[in-house]
Amino acid sequence: MPTPHDLPFTRTTCSGCGAIVEGLNNRFSCTVCGWVNRWDDSTSPLPSAEDDPDYPGSKKR
C-alpha cells in the first residue's frame, strides 16, 4: 500500500475559475467551481471496477 509520500500529487490552475487545484496522476476537480478535467488527461490508466474493494464479489476485503 503506498504512503501519502509515494503518491504522485500534481498541481494546475482550474480551467473554470483560475483557482489552484491539486490531484493525483493529473486528475483534478475544483472545489470552488466544480470543474473536473477529462478522465483521459491522466498520465496513468484508471483502475478497473474489480480493483475497487467495494466491488460486488471482490475478495480484497
N, C-alpha and C. Protein backbone atom coordinates (compact mmCIF):
# COMPACT_ATOMS: atom_id res chain seq x y z
N MET A 1 0.85 -1.18 0.00
CA MET A 1 0.00 0.00 0.00
C MET A 1 0.90 1.24 0.00
N PRO A 2 0.69 2.16 -0.95
CA PRO A 2 1.54 3.35 -0.98
C PRO A 2 1.22 4.29 0.19
N THR A 3 2.24 4.99 0.62
CA THR A 3 2.05 6.00 1.65
C THR A 3 1.75 7.32 0.95
N PRO A 4 1.22 8.33 1.66
CA PRO A 4 0.96 9.62 1.01
C PRO A 4 2.19 10.24 0.35
N HIS A 5 3.38 9.91 0.87
CA HIS A 5 4.60 10.47 0.28
C HIS A 5 4.95 9.81 -1.04
N ASP A 6 4.39 8.64 -1.32
CA ASP A 6 4.66 7.92 -2.56
C ASP A 6 3.70 8.32 -3.68
N LEU A 7 2.62 8.98 -3.36
CA LEU A 7 1.59 9.30 -4.35
C LEU A 7 2.02 10.46 -5.24
N PRO A 8 1.69 10.38 -6.54
CA PRO A 8 2.09 11.41 -7.49
C PRO A 8 1.14 12.62 -7.49
N PHE A 9 1.22 13.46 -6.46
CA PHE A 9 0.40 14.67 -6.42
C PHE A 9 0.84 15.65 -7.50
N THR A 10 -0.12 16.24 -8.19
CA THR A 10 0.16 17.21 -9.24
C THR A 10 -0.68 18.45 -8.99
N ARG A 11 -0.27 19.57 -9.54
CA ARG A 11 -0.94 20.85 -9.32
C ARG A 11 -1.11 21.57 -10.65
N THR A 12 -2.25 22.26 -10.80
CA THR A 12 -2.51 23.05 -12.00
C THR A 12 -3.47 24.18 -11.66
N THR A 13 -3.79 24.98 -12.63
CA THR A 13 -4.78 26.05 -12.49
C THR A 13 -6.11 25.55 -13.04
N CYS A 14 -7.19 25.81 -12.30
CA CYS A 14 -8.52 25.39 -12.72
C CYS A 14 -8.90 26.10 -14.01
N SER A 15 -9.38 25.34 -14.98
CA SER A 15 -9.82 25.92 -16.25
C SER A 15 -11.15 26.66 -16.12
N GLY A 16 -11.86 26.42 -15.02
CA GLY A 16 -13.15 27.07 -14.83
C GLY A 16 -13.06 28.42 -14.15
N CYS A 17 -12.24 28.52 -13.07
CA CYS A 17 -12.23 29.76 -12.29
C CYS A 17 -10.84 30.29 -11.99
N GLY A 18 -9.79 29.54 -12.33
CA GLY A 18 -8.43 30.01 -12.11
C GLY A 18 -7.83 29.65 -10.76
N ALA A 19 -8.58 28.96 -9.91
CA ALA A 19 -8.05 28.55 -8.60
C ALA A 19 -6.95 27.50 -8.80
N ILE A 20 -6.06 27.39 -7.84
CA ILE A 20 -5.05 26.34 -7.87
C ILE A 20 -5.69 25.04 -7.37
N VAL A 21 -5.57 23.97 -8.16
CA VAL A 21 -6.12 22.68 -7.78
C VAL A 21 -5.01 21.64 -7.77
N GLU A 22 -5.13 20.67 -6.89
CA GLU A 22 -4.18 19.57 -6.80
C GLU A 22 -4.91 18.26 -7.01
N GLY A 23 -4.21 17.29 -7.54
CA GLY A 23 -4.82 16.00 -7.77
C GLY A 23 -3.79 14.90 -7.81
N LEU A 24 -4.24 13.70 -8.10
CA LEU A 24 -3.36 12.54 -8.25
C LEU A 24 -3.30 12.14 -9.71
N ASN A 25 -2.09 11.90 -10.19
CA ASN A 25 -1.90 11.46 -11.58
C ASN A 25 -2.59 12.38 -12.60
N ASN A 26 -2.53 13.67 -12.36
CA ASN A 26 -3.14 14.66 -13.26
C ASN A 26 -4.65 14.52 -13.39
N ARG A 27 -5.30 14.05 -12.34
CA ARG A 27 -6.77 14.04 -12.27
C ARG A 27 -7.17 15.11 -11.27
N PHE A 28 -7.92 16.09 -11.74
CA PHE A 28 -8.24 17.25 -10.92
C PHE A 28 -9.74 17.48 -10.82
N SER A 29 -10.16 18.06 -9.70
CA SER A 29 -11.51 18.59 -9.55
C SER A 29 -11.41 19.82 -8.67
N CYS A 30 -12.13 20.85 -9.03
CA CYS A 30 -12.08 22.12 -8.31
C CYS A 30 -13.22 22.20 -7.30
N THR A 31 -12.88 22.45 -6.05
CA THR A 31 -13.92 22.58 -5.02
C THR A 31 -14.55 23.97 -5.02
N VAL A 32 -13.97 24.91 -5.77
CA VAL A 32 -14.52 26.26 -5.83
C VAL A 32 -15.68 26.32 -6.83
N CYS A 33 -15.44 25.83 -8.06
CA CYS A 33 -16.46 25.96 -9.11
C CYS A 33 -17.01 24.64 -9.62
N GLY A 34 -16.42 23.50 -9.22
CA GLY A 34 -16.92 22.20 -9.65
C GLY A 34 -16.31 21.66 -10.93
N TRP A 35 -15.37 22.39 -11.53
CA TRP A 35 -14.72 21.93 -12.75
C TRP A 35 -13.96 20.64 -12.49
N VAL A 36 -14.00 19.70 -13.44
CA VAL A 36 -13.16 18.50 -13.41
C VAL A 36 -12.55 18.32 -14.79
N ASN A 37 -11.32 17.80 -14.82
CA ASN A 37 -10.72 17.55 -16.13
C ASN A 37 -11.15 16.17 -16.63
N ARG A 38 -10.92 15.95 -17.90
CA ARG A 38 -11.32 14.68 -18.51
C ARG A 38 -10.54 13.52 -17.91
N TRP A 39 -11.17 12.37 -17.78
CA TRP A 39 -10.53 11.21 -17.18
C TRP A 39 -9.30 10.78 -17.96
N ASP A 40 -9.28 11.01 -19.28
CA ASP A 40 -8.15 10.55 -20.09
C ASP A 40 -7.00 11.57 -20.16
N ASP A 41 -7.10 12.68 -19.39
CA ASP A 41 -5.99 13.62 -19.30
C ASP A 41 -4.88 13.11 -18.38
N SER A 42 -5.13 12.03 -17.69
CA SER A 42 -4.17 11.50 -16.73
C SER A 42 -2.99 10.84 -17.42
N THR A 43 -1.91 10.68 -16.65
CA THR A 43 -0.72 10.01 -17.16
C THR A 43 -0.76 8.51 -16.88
N SER A 44 -1.81 8.03 -16.21
CA SER A 44 -1.92 6.61 -15.92
C SER A 44 -3.36 6.15 -16.14
N PRO A 45 -3.56 4.86 -16.42
CA PRO A 45 -4.92 4.36 -16.64
C PRO A 45 -5.73 4.35 -15.35
N LEU A 46 -7.04 4.45 -15.50
CA LEU A 46 -7.93 4.32 -14.35
C LEU A 46 -7.95 2.88 -13.88
N PRO A 47 -8.11 2.66 -12.58
CA PRO A 47 -8.25 1.28 -12.11
C PRO A 47 -9.58 0.70 -12.59
N SER A 48 -9.63 -0.60 -12.66
CA SER A 48 -10.88 -1.25 -13.10
C SER A 48 -11.85 -1.32 -11.93
N ALA A 49 -13.10 -1.61 -12.24
CA ALA A 49 -14.10 -1.75 -11.19
C ALA A 49 -13.73 -2.88 -10.24
N GLU A 50 -13.13 -3.93 -10.77
CA GLU A 50 -12.74 -5.08 -9.95
C GLU A 50 -11.64 -4.71 -8.95
N ASP A 51 -10.88 -3.63 -9.21
CA ASP A 51 -9.85 -3.17 -8.28
C ASP A 51 -10.43 -2.47 -7.06
N ASP A 52 -11.70 -2.07 -7.13
CA ASP A 52 -12.36 -1.38 -6.02
C ASP A 52 -12.73 -2.39 -4.94
N PRO A 53 -12.28 -2.17 -3.69
CA PRO A 53 -12.60 -3.13 -2.63
C PRO A 53 -14.10 -3.25 -2.36
N ASP A 54 -14.91 -2.26 -2.77
CA ASP A 54 -16.36 -2.31 -2.57
C ASP A 54 -17.09 -2.95 -3.75
N TYR A 55 -16.36 -3.37 -4.76
CA TYR A 55 -16.97 -4.01 -5.93
C TYR A 55 -17.64 -5.32 -5.50
N PRO A 56 -18.89 -5.55 -5.94
CA PRO A 56 -19.56 -6.81 -5.57
C PRO A 56 -18.73 -8.02 -6.01
N GLY A 57 -18.51 -8.92 -5.10
CA GLY A 57 -17.73 -10.12 -5.41
C GLY A 57 -16.24 -9.95 -5.22
N SER A 58 -15.80 -8.77 -4.80
CA SER A 58 -14.37 -8.55 -4.59
C SER A 58 -13.88 -9.37 -3.40
N LYS A 59 -12.69 -9.92 -3.53
CA LYS A 59 -12.10 -10.70 -2.45
C LYS A 59 -10.98 -9.94 -1.76
N LYS A 60 -10.90 -8.61 -1.97
CA LYS A 60 -9.82 -7.81 -1.42
C LYS A 60 -10.11 -7.29 -0.03
N ARG A 61 -11.22 -7.62 0.55
CA ARG A 61 -11.59 -7.11 1.87
C ARG A 61 -10.85 -7.79 2.95
